[in-house]
Amino acid sequence: PVLLHLIFLRKILAHKTALILYINVVNNLTYTMNKRYILIILILTFSQSYGQYDWTPGKIILNSGKSLKGLVKIPLTSGSFIELKSTKIQFRKDEKSKKFKYDSKTVNRIYFSTFDKDIGFYEYVWVSKNKMALFKLIRNGKVKLYTRTIKFIENQFENKQFEQNEFNKPFSKNKYKKAKEYYIIKSGENIAIPIIKEKDIMLFKKENLRLFKKKALNYFADCKEVVSYIENDLYEDFDISQIVEDYNLLCE
């Protein structure tokens, strides 16, 4: 019964109405100090979303067992199977020190301001038979959920009138954007598969939501509870994090 109550409570908190009520409670706190702590947590959470793609204090654990503490920089890739730029991790002891590069052959894990040894770190994951990519582990269990940030070029016309060039053709403008990707892998599997690509959602949300649900129903078919939740729309759109958490809790 306690487990069911916890699951039910988590479902409630996943909805926007409950989130609004929660915010109102926070705003009505008597002590201003509590508000400051919450604000600091929110700022740190947001800043770390993309912070690791610049020089950030961290720790690299090598396959040899050796630890390297200093400044770490993770490459921001295009997410394609053919990368034109280096995808190696950069490390230096401090801002004035020499830079060193490491890859999947030498790196085991990378930590950035995380206190949990079982989650929140970065590691290389197989995404095909011949390629590994660097991801952040955000859910751990029978199913692991990974995320990474990619950059891509969005081709946009500068305005609705389409600015004309000297050849009397519309002049397009390339714009760099960032988006997150989510990959999942189940115990016994060797290759992680993409489950969500924000880049695609930006273009065709409705169609991608339908495909996401179809893929999730197929992947988590061995867990009747999660299948029931998905079929009855108990999850927020694209809430793969909650789906994986429920699967690991109910069907592991």
C-alpha atoms as a PDB file:
ATOM      1  CA  PRO A   1       0.000   0.000   0.000  1.00  0.00           C
ATOM      2  CA  VAL A   2       2.817   2.430   0.824  1.00  0.00           C
ATOM      3  CA  LEU A   3       4.404   1.803  -2.583  1.00  0.00           C
ATOM      4  CA  LEU A   4       1.121   2.473  -4.360  1.00  0.00           C
ATOM      5  CA  HIS A   5       0.658   5.720  -2.424  1.00  0.00           C
ATOM      6  CA  LEU A   6       4.142   6.878  -3.451  1.00  0.00           C
ATOM      7  CA  ILE A   7       3.458   6.082  -7.101  1.00  0.00           C
ATOM      8  CA  PHE A   8       0.110   7.892  -6.956  1.00  0.00           C
ATOM      9  CA  LEU A   9       1.692  10.935  -5.339  1.00  0.00           C
ATOM     10  CA  ARG A  10       4.391  11.064  -8.002  1.00  0.00           C
ATOM     11  CA  LYS A  11       1.715  10.911 -10.717  1.00  0.00           C
ATOM     12  CA  ILE A  12      -0.065  13.870  -9.171  1.00  0.00           C
ATOM     13  CA  LEU A  13       3.103  15.930  -8.927  1.00  0.00           C
ATOM     14  CA  ALA A  14       3.793  15.276 -12.611  1.00  0.00           C
ATOM     15  CA  HIS A  15       0.816  17.414 -13.625  1.00  0.00           C
ATOM     16  CA  LYS A  16       0.913  21.142 -14.145  1.00  0.00           C
ATOM     17  CA  THR A  17      -1.920  21.860 -11.684  1.00  0.00           C
ATOM     18  CA  ALA A  18      -0.020  20.250  -8.853  1.00  0.00           C
ATOM     19  CA  LEU A  19       3.120  22.120  -9.870  1.00  0.00           C
ATOM     20  CA  ILE A  20       1.242  25.444  -9.673  1.00  0.00           C
ATOM     21  CA  LEU A  21      -0.054  24.547  -6.200  1.00  0.00           C
ATOM     22  CA  TYR A  22       3.476  23.638  -5.148  1.00  0.00           C
ATOM     23  CA  ILE A  23       4.803  26.993  -6.354  1.00  0.00           C
ATOM     24  CA  ASN A  24       2.076  28.803  -4.430  1.00  0.00           C
ATOM     25  CA  VAL A  25       3.060  26.968  -1.262  1.00  0.00           C
ATOM     26  CA  VAL A  26       6.681  27.983  -1.788  1.00  0.00           C
ATOM     27  CA  ASN A  27       5.666  31.617  -2.308  1.00  0.00           C
ATOM     28  CA  ASN A  28       3.772  31.572   0.979  1.00  0.00           C
ATOM     29  CA  LEU A  29       6.697  30.337   3.037  1.00  0.00           C
ATOM     30  CA  THR A  30       7.266  32.407   6.150  1.00  0.00           C
ATOM     31  CA  TYR A  31      11.026  32.401   6.010  1.00  0.00           C
ATOM     32  CA  THR A  32      12.715  34.304   3.223  1.00  0.00           C
ATOM     33  CA  MET A  33      15.767  32.093   3.695  1.00  0.00           C
ATOM     34  CA  ASN A  34      13.854  29.094   2.324  1.00  0.00           C
ATOM     35  CA  LYS A  35      13.005  31.028  -0.843  1.00  0.00           C
ATOM     36  CA  ARG A  36      16.642  31.893  -1.337  1.00  0.00           C
ATOM     37  CA  TYR A  37      17.691  28.252  -1.044  1.00  0.00           C
ATOM     38  CA  ILE A  38      15.078  27.214  -3.602  1.00  0.00           C
ATOM     39  CA  LEU A  39      16.163  29.962  -6.001  1.00  0.00           C
ATOM     40  CA  ILE A  40      19.800  28.910  -5.681  1.00  0.00           C
ATOM     41  CA  ILE A  41      18.883  25.269  -6.431  1.00  0.00           C
ATOM     42  CA  LEU A  42      16.902  26.279  -9.526  1.00  0.00           C
ATOM     43  CA  ILE A  43      19.750  28.449 -10.817  1.00  0.00           C
ATOM     44  CA  LEU A  44      22.329  25.707 -10.289  1.00  0.00           C
ATOM     45  CA  THR A  45      20.102  23.123 -11.981  1.00  0.00           C
ATOM     46  CA  PHE A  46      19.625  25.309 -15.052  1.00  0.00           C
ATOM     47  CA  SER A  47      23.249  26.428 -15.288  1.00  0.00           C
ATOM     48  CA  GLN A  48      24.505  22.850 -15.247  1.00  0.00           C
ATOM     49  CA  SER A  49      22.280  21.871 -18.188  1.00  0.00           C
ATOM     50  CA  TYR A  50      24.788  23.241 -20.659  1.00  0.00           C
ATOM     51  CA  GLY A  51      27.684  24.246 -18.401  1.00  0.00           C
ATOM     52  CA  GLN A  52      29.767  21.133 -18.974  1.00  0.00           C
ATOM     53  CA  TYR A  53      30.249  22.077 -22.618  1.00  0.00           C
ATOM     54  CA  ASP A  54      32.563  24.849 -21.431  1.00  0.00           C
ATOM     55  CA  TRP A  55      35.464  24.551 -19.004  1.00  0.00           C
ATOM     56  CA  THR A  56      33.907  23.273 -15.771  1.00  0.00           C
ATOM     57  CA  PRO A  57      35.392  21.887 -12.535  1.00  0.00           C
ATOM     58  CA  GLY A  58      35.062  18.113 -12.613  1.00  0.00           C
ATOM     59  CA  LYS A  59      36.680  14.744 -12.126  1.00  0.00           C
ATOM     60  CA  ILE A  60      37.587  12.155 -14.770  1.00  0.00           C
ATOM     61  CA  ILE A  61      37.853   8.500 -13.786  1.00  0.00           C
ATOM     62  CA  LEU A  62      40.092   6.654 -16.233  1.00  0.00           C
ATOM     63  CA  ASN A  63      39.740   2.982 -17.131  1.00  0.00           C
ATOM     64  CA  SER A  64      43.000   2.415 -15.305  1.00  0.00           C
ATOM     65  CA  GLY A  65      41.354   3.592 -12.078  1.00  0.00           C
ATOM     66  CA  LYS A  66      43.317   6.849 -11.950  1.00  0.00           C
ATOM     67  CA  SER A  67      41.381  10.050 -11.131  1.00  0.00           C
ATOM     68  CA  LEU A  68      41.985  13.455 -12.704  1.00  0.00           C
ATOM     69  CA  LYS A  69      40.627  16.522 -10.907  1.00  0.00           C
ATOM     70  CA  GLY A  70      40.588  19.910 -12.600  1.00  0.00           C
ATOM     71  CA  LEU A  71      38.787  21.631 -15.461  1.00  0.00           C
ATOM     72  CA  VAL A  72      36.908  19.439 -17.927  1.00  0.00           C
ATOM     73  CA  LYS A  73      35.310  20.336 -21.245  1.00  0.00           C
ATOM     74  CA  ILE A  74      32.888  18.017 -23.034  1.00  0.00           C
ATOM     75  CA  PRO A  75      32.551  18.377 -26.829  1.00  0.00           C
ATOM     76  CA  LEU A  76      29.223  19.646 -28.150  1.00  0.00           C
ATOM     77  CA  THR A  77      28.555  17.414 -31.130  1.00  0.00           C
ATOM     78  CA  SER A  78      26.088  17.475 -33.996  1.00  0.00           C
ATOM     79  CA  GLY A  79      24.688  14.097 -32.999  1.00  0.00           C
ATOM     80  CA  SER A  80      25.302  12.667 -36.460  1.00  0.00           C
ATOM     81  CA  PHE A  81      27.179   9.452 -37.145  1.00  0.00           C
ATOM     82  CA  ILE A  82      29.869  11.410 -38.993  1.00  0.00           C
ATOM     83  CA  GLU A  83      31.479  14.136 -36.870  1.00  0.00           C
ATOM     84  CA  LEU A  84      33.713  16.687 -38.542  1.00  0.00           C
ATOM     85  CA  LYS A  85      35.103  18.049 -35.282  1.00  0.00           C
ATOM     86  CA  SER A  86      36.877  16.251 -32.467  1.00  0.00           C
ATOM     87  CA  THR A  87      34.644  14.433 -29.997  1.00  0.00           C
ATOM     88  CA  LYS A  88      37.354  13.983 -27.387  1.00  0.00           C
ATOM     89  CA  ILE A  89      37.108  15.224 -23.810  1.00  0.00           C
ATOM     90  CA  GLN A  90      39.530  17.994 -22.868  1.00  0.00           C
ATOM     91  CA  PHE A  91      41.176  18.260 -19.469  1.00  0.00           C
ATOM     92  CA  ARG A  92      43.581  20.618 -17.740  1.00  0.00           C
ATOM     93  CA  LYS A  93      44.590  20.995 -14.124  1.00  0.00           C
ATOM     94  CA  ASP A  94      43.784  24.710 -14.026  1.00  0.00           C
ATOM     95  CA  GLU A  95      43.317  27.634 -16.408  1.00  0.00           C
ATOM     96  CA  LYS A  96      47.057  27.996 -17.014  1.00  0.00           C
ATOM     97  CA  SER A  97      47.849  24.298 -17.384  1.00  0.00           C
ATOM     98  CA  LYS A  98      48.418  22.322 -20.552  1.00  0.00           C
ATOM     99  CA  LYS A  99      45.387  20.706 -22.195  1.00  0.00           C
ATOM    100  CA  PHE A 100      45.051  16.951 -22.580  1.00  0.00           C
ATOM    101  CA  LYS A 101      42.507  14.997 -24.617  1.00  0.00           C
ATOM    102  CA  TYR A 102      40.832  11.713 -23.724  1.00  0.00           C
ATOM    103  CA  ASP A 103      38.341   9.448 -25.478  1.00  0.00           C
ATOM    104  CA  SER A 104      36.294   6.278 -24.954  1.00  0.00           C
ATOM    105  CA  LYS A 105      39.440   4.140 -24.925  1.00  0.00           C
ATOM    106  CA  THR A 106      40.713   5.749 -21.743  1.00  0.00           C
ATOM    107  CA  VAL A 107      37.714   7.334 -19.956  1.00  0.00           C
ATOM    108  CA  ASN A 108      35.391   5.443 -17.614  1.00  0.00           C
ATOM    109  CA  ARG A 109      33.260   8.205 -16.067  1.00  0.00           C
ATOM    110  CA  ILE A 110      33.145  11.976 -15.643  1.00  0.00           C
ATOM    111  CA  TYR A 111      31.644  13.712 -12.612  1.00  0.00           C
ATOM    112  CA  PHE A 112      30.434  17.310 -12.360  1.00  0.00           C
ATOM    113  CA  SER A 113      29.294  18.457  -8.899  1.00  0.00           C
ATOM    114  CA  THR A 114      27.349  15.264  -8.236  1.00  0.00           C
ATOM    115  CA  PHE A 115      27.259  13.427  -4.936  1.00  0.00           C
ATOM    116  CA  ASP A 116      25.604  10.236  -6.196  1.00  0.00           C
ATOM    117  CA  LYS A 117      28.034   7.653  -7.555  1.00  0.00           C
ATOM    118  CA  ASP A 118      25.232   5.787  -9.325  1.00  0.00           C
ATOM    119  CA  ILE A 119      23.680   8.624 -11.337  1.00  0.00           C
ATOM    120  CA  GLY A 120      24.422  12.051 -12.790  1.00  0.00           C
ATOM    121  CA  PHE A 121      27.800  11.179 -14.273  1.00  0.00           C
ATOM    122  CA  TYR A 122      28.885  11.065 -17.922  1.00  0.00           C
ATOM    123  CA  GLU A 123      30.066   7.924 -19.670  1.00  0.00           C
ATOM    124  CA  TYR A 124      30.540   6.541 -23.162  1.00  0.00           C
ATOM    125  CA  VAL A 125      27.688   4.426 -24.518  1.00  0.00           C
ATOM    126  CA  TRP A 126      27.460   2.288 -27.632  1.00  0.00           C
ATOM    127  CA  VAL A 127      24.991   3.822 -30.114  1.00  0.00           C
ATOM    128  CA  SER A 128      25.895   1.489 -32.992  1.00  0.00           C
ATOM    129  CA  LYS A 129      28.152  -1.512 -33.561  1.00  0.00           C
ATOM    130  CA  ASN A 130      31.047   0.787 -34.426  1.00  0.00           C
ATOM    131  CA  LYS A 131      30.462   3.970 -32.470  1.00  0.00           C
ATOM    132  CA  MET A 132      30.333   5.171 -28.877  1.00  0.00           C
ATOM    133  CA  ALA A 133      28.998   8.552 -27.753  1.00  0.00           C
ATOM    134  CA  LEU A 134      29.216  10.489 -24.501  1.00  0.00           C
ATOM    135  CA  PHE A 135      26.018  10.765 -22.445  1.00  0.00           C
ATOM    136  CA  LYS A 136      24.846  11.788 -18.996  1.00  0.00           C
ATOM    137  CA  LEU A 137      23.130   9.019 -17.028  1.00  0.00           C
ATOM    138  CA  ILE A 138      19.906  10.371 -15.489  1.00  0.00           C
ATOM    139  CA  ARG A 139      18.029   7.157 -14.626  1.00  0.00           C
ATOM    140  CA  ASN A 140      19.669   3.947 -13.477  1.00  0.00           C
ATOM    141  CA  GLY A 141      18.186   0.463 -13.133  1.00  0.00           C
ATOM    142  CA  LYS A 142      16.992  -2.325 -15.391  1.00  0.00           C
ATOM    143  CA  VAL A 143      16.534   0.424 -17.977  1.00  0.00           C
ATOM    144  CA  LYS A 144      19.094   3.202 -18.120  1.00  0.00           C
ATOM    145  CA  LEU A 145      18.159   6.619 -19.462  1.00  0.00           C
ATOM    146  CA  TYR A 146      20.848   8.841 -20.951  1.00  0.00           C
ATOM    147  CA  THR A 147      20.781  12.371 -22.273  1.00  0.00           C
ATOM    148  CA  ARG A 148      23.104  14.624 -24.249  1.00  0.00           C
ATOM    149  CA  THR A 149      22.952  18.059 -25.842  1.00  0.00           C
ATOM    150  CA  ILE A 150      23.628  18.459 -29.542  1.00  0.00           C
ATOM    151  CA  LYS A 151      23.964  21.447 -31.825  1.00  0.00           C
ATOM    152  CA  PHE A 152      22.367  21.668 -35.241  1.00  0.00           C
ATOM    153  CA  ILE A 153      21.832  24.176 -38.021  1.00  0.00           C
ATOM    154  CA  GLU A 154      18.306  25.458 -38.442  1.00  0.00           C
ATOM    155  CA  ASN A 155      17.751  26.889 -41.902  1.00  0.00           C
ATOM    156  CA  GLN A 156      15.353  29.819 -41.663  1.00  0.00           C
ATOM    157  CA  PHE A 157      14.229  32.522 -44.031  1.00  0.00           C
ATOM    158  CA  GLU A 158      15.033  35.932 -42.632  1.00  0.00           C
ATOM    159  CA  ASN A 159      11.457  37.219 -42.907  1.00  0.00           C
ATOM    160  CA  LYS A 160       8.091  36.417 -44.410  1.00  0.00           C
ATOM    161  CA  GLN A 161       8.781  38.501 -47.517  1.00  0.00           C
ATOM    162  CA  PHE A 162      11.920  36.419 -48.167  1.00  0.00           C
ATOM    163  CA  GLU A 163      14.782  38.818 -48.723  1.00  0.00           C
ATOM    164  CA  GLN A 164      15.969  38.619 -52.332  1.00  0.00           C
ATOM    165  CA  ASN A 165      19.570  38.274 -53.395  1.00  0.00           C
ATOM    166  CA  GLU A 166      21.186  39.394 -56.642  1.00  0.00           C
ATOM    167  CA  PHE A 167      19.912  36.269 -58.397  1.00  0.00           C
ATOM    168  CA  ASN A 168      16.303  37.092 -57.395  1.00  0.00           C
ATOM    169  CA  LYS A 169      16.031  34.053 -55.129  1.00  0.00           C
ATOM    170  CA  PRO A 170      14.969  33.913 -51.466  1.00  0.00           C
ATOM    171  CA  PHE A 171      17.890  34.471 -49.110  1.00  0.00           C
ATOM    172  CA  SER A 172      18.001  31.884 -46.318  1.00  0.00           C
ATOM    173  CA  LYS A 173      19.769  32.211 -42.982  1.00  0.00           C
ATOM    174  CA  ASN A 174      21.495  29.423 -41.058  1.00  0.00           C
ATOM    175  CA  LYS A 175      21.020  29.507 -37.304  1.00  0.00           C
ATOM    176  CA  TYR A 176      22.767  27.312 -34.745  1.00  0.00           C
ATOM    177  CA  LYS A 177      20.515  25.853 -32.045  1.00  0.00           C
ATOM    178  CA  LYS A 178      20.854  23.380 -29.183  1.00  0.00           C
ATOM    179  CA  ALA A 179      18.585  20.461 -28.386  1.00  0.00           C
ATOM    180  CA  LYS A 180      18.581  17.470 -26.073  1.00  0.00           C
ATOM    181  CA  GLU A 181      18.467  13.832 -27.073  1.00  0.00           C
ATOM    182  CA  TYR A 182      17.435  10.906 -24.874  1.00  0.00           C
ATOM    183  CA  TYR A 183      18.646   7.325 -25.298  1.00  0.00           C
ATOM    184  CA  ILE A 184      17.589   4.184 -23.441  1.00  0.00           C
ATOM    185  CA  ILE A 185      19.148   0.774 -22.959  1.00  0.00           C
ATOM    186  CA  LYS A 186      17.819  -2.268 -21.109  1.00  0.00           C
ATOM    187  CA  SER A 187      19.827  -4.844 -19.172  1.00  0.00           C
ATOM    188  CA  GLY A 188      21.104  -7.438 -21.600  1.00  0.00           C
ATOM    189  CA  GLU A 189      21.190  -5.036 -24.544  1.00  0.00           C
ATOM    190  CA  ASN A 190      24.427  -3.783 -26.071  1.00  0.00           C
ATOM    191  CA  ILE A 191      23.323  -0.678 -27.971  1.00  0.00           C
ATOM    192  CA  ALA A 192      21.376   2.331 -26.665  1.00  0.00           C
ATOM    193  CA  ILE A 193      18.556   3.540 -28.897  1.00  0.00           C
ATOM    194  CA  PRO A 194      17.148   7.068 -29.287  1.00  0.00           C
ATOM    195  CA  ILE A 195      13.736   7.564 -27.704  1.00  0.00           C
ATOM    196  CA  ILE A 196      13.402  11.368 -27.899  1.00  0.00           C
ATOM    197  CA  LYS A 197      15.067  13.965 -30.107  1.00  0.00           C
ATOM    198  CA  GLU A 198      14.024  17.504 -29.257  1.00  0.00           C
ATOM    199  CA  LYS A 199      15.178  18.663 -32.674  1.00  0.00           C
ATOM    200  CA  ASP A 200      12.381  16.639 -34.304  1.00  0.00           C
ATOM    201  CA  ILE A 201       9.808  17.703 -31.696  1.00  0.00           C
ATOM    202  CA  MET A 202      10.495  21.352 -32.512  1.00  0.00           C
ATOM    203  CA  LEU A 203       9.341  20.728 -36.071  1.00  0.00           C
ATOM    204  CA  PHE A 204       6.531  18.192 -35.769  1.00  0.00           C
ATOM    205  CA  LYS A 205       5.397  17.876 -32.143  1.00  0.00           C
ATOM    206  CA  LYS A 206       2.050  16.155 -32.722  1.00  0.00           C
ATOM    207  CA  GLU A 207       3.409  13.546 -35.100  1.00  0.00           C
ATOM    208  CA  ASN A 208       6.454  12.876 -32.928  1.00  0.00           C
ATOM    209  CA  LEU A 209       4.286  12.488 -29.823  1.00  0.00           C
ATOM    210  CA  ARG A 210       2.333   9.749 -31.585  1.00  0.00           C
ATOM    211  CA  LEU A 211       5.562   8.013 -32.642  1.00  0.00           C
ATOM    212  CA  PHE A 212       7.028   8.411 -29.152  1.00  0.00           C
ATOM    213  CA  LYS A 213       4.050   6.702 -27.519  1.00  0.00           C
ATOM    214  CA  LYS A 214       4.174   3.897 -30.066  1.00  0.00           C
ATOM    215  CA  LYS A 215       7.893   3.341 -29.459  1.00  0.00           C
ATOM    216  CA  ALA A 216       7.472   3.507 -25.658  1.00  0.00           C
ATOM    217  CA  LEU A 217       4.597   1.007 -25.693  1.00  0.00           C
ATOM    218  CA  ASN A 218       6.714  -1.399 -27.691  1.00  0.00           C
ATOM    219  CA  TYR A 219       9.885  -0.969 -25.615  1.00  0.00           C
ATOM    220  CA  PHE A 220       8.159  -1.277 -22.219  1.00  0.00           C
ATOM    221  CA  ALA A 221       5.698  -3.960 -23.336  1.00  0.00           C
ATOM    222  CA  ASP A 222       6.899  -6.325 -20.599  1.00  0.00           C
ATOM    223  CA  CYS A 223       5.538  -4.010 -17.876  1.00  0.00           C
ATOM    224  CA  LYS A 224       1.738  -3.962 -17.879  1.00  0.00           C
ATOM    225  CA  GLU A 225       1.538  -1.113 -15.354  1.00  0.00           C
ATOM    226  CA  VAL A 226       3.628   1.253 -17.460  1.00  0.00           C
ATOM    227  CA  VAL A 227       1.798   0.207 -20.623  1.00  0.00           C
ATOM    228  CA  SER A 228      -1.501   1.016 -18.906  1.00  0.00           C
ATOM    229  CA  TYR A 229      -0.215   4.437 -17.789  1.00  0.00           C
ATOM    230  CA  ILE A 230       0.905   5.309 -21.327  1.00  0.00           C
ATOM    231  CA  GLU A 231      -2.325   4.117 -22.933  1.00  0.00           C
ATOM    232  CA  ASN A 232      -4.395   6.156 -20.474  1.00  0.00           C
ATOM    233  CA  ASP A 233      -2.270   9.308 -20.947  1.00  0.00           C
ATOM    234  CA  LEU A 234      -1.190   9.505 -17.309  1.00  0.00           C
ATOM    235  CA  TYR A 235       2.177  10.935 -18.295  1.00  0.00           C
ATOM    236  CA  GLU A 236       3.038  14.408 -19.453  1.00  0.00           C
ATOM    237  CA  ASP A 237       4.009  14.629 -23.121  1.00  0.00           C
ATOM    238  CA  PHE A 238       7.405  12.999 -23.782  1.00  0.00           C
ATOM    239  CA  ASP A 239       7.984  12.332 -20.055  1.00  0.00           C
ATOM    240  CA  ILE A 240      10.452   9.523 -20.659  1.00  0.00           C
ATOM    241  CA  SER A 241      12.209  10.186 -17.360  1.00  0.00           C
ATOM    242  CA  GLN A 242       9.071   9.365 -15.357  1.00  0.00           C
ATOM    243  CA  ILE A 243       8.298   6.350 -17.554  1.00  0.00           C
ATOM    244  CA  VAL A 244      11.749   4.862 -16.958  1.00  0.00           C
ATOM    245  CA  GLU A 245      11.547   5.595 -13.246  1.00  0.00           C
ATOM    246  CA  ASP A 246       8.197   3.798 -12.983  1.00  0.00           C
ATOM    247  CA  TYR A 247       9.442   0.862 -15.037  1.00  0.00           C
ATOM    248  CA  ASN A 248      12.485   0.406 -12.820  1.00  0.00           C
ATOM    249  CA  LEU A 249      10.321   0.671  -9.706  1.00  0.00           C
ATOM    250  CA  LEU A 250       7.455  -1.585 -10.770  1.00  0.00           C
ATOM    251  CA  CYS A 251       8.917  -4.082 -13.206  1.00  0.00           C
ATOM    252  CA  GLU A 252      12.557  -4.565 -12.352  1.00  0.00           C
END
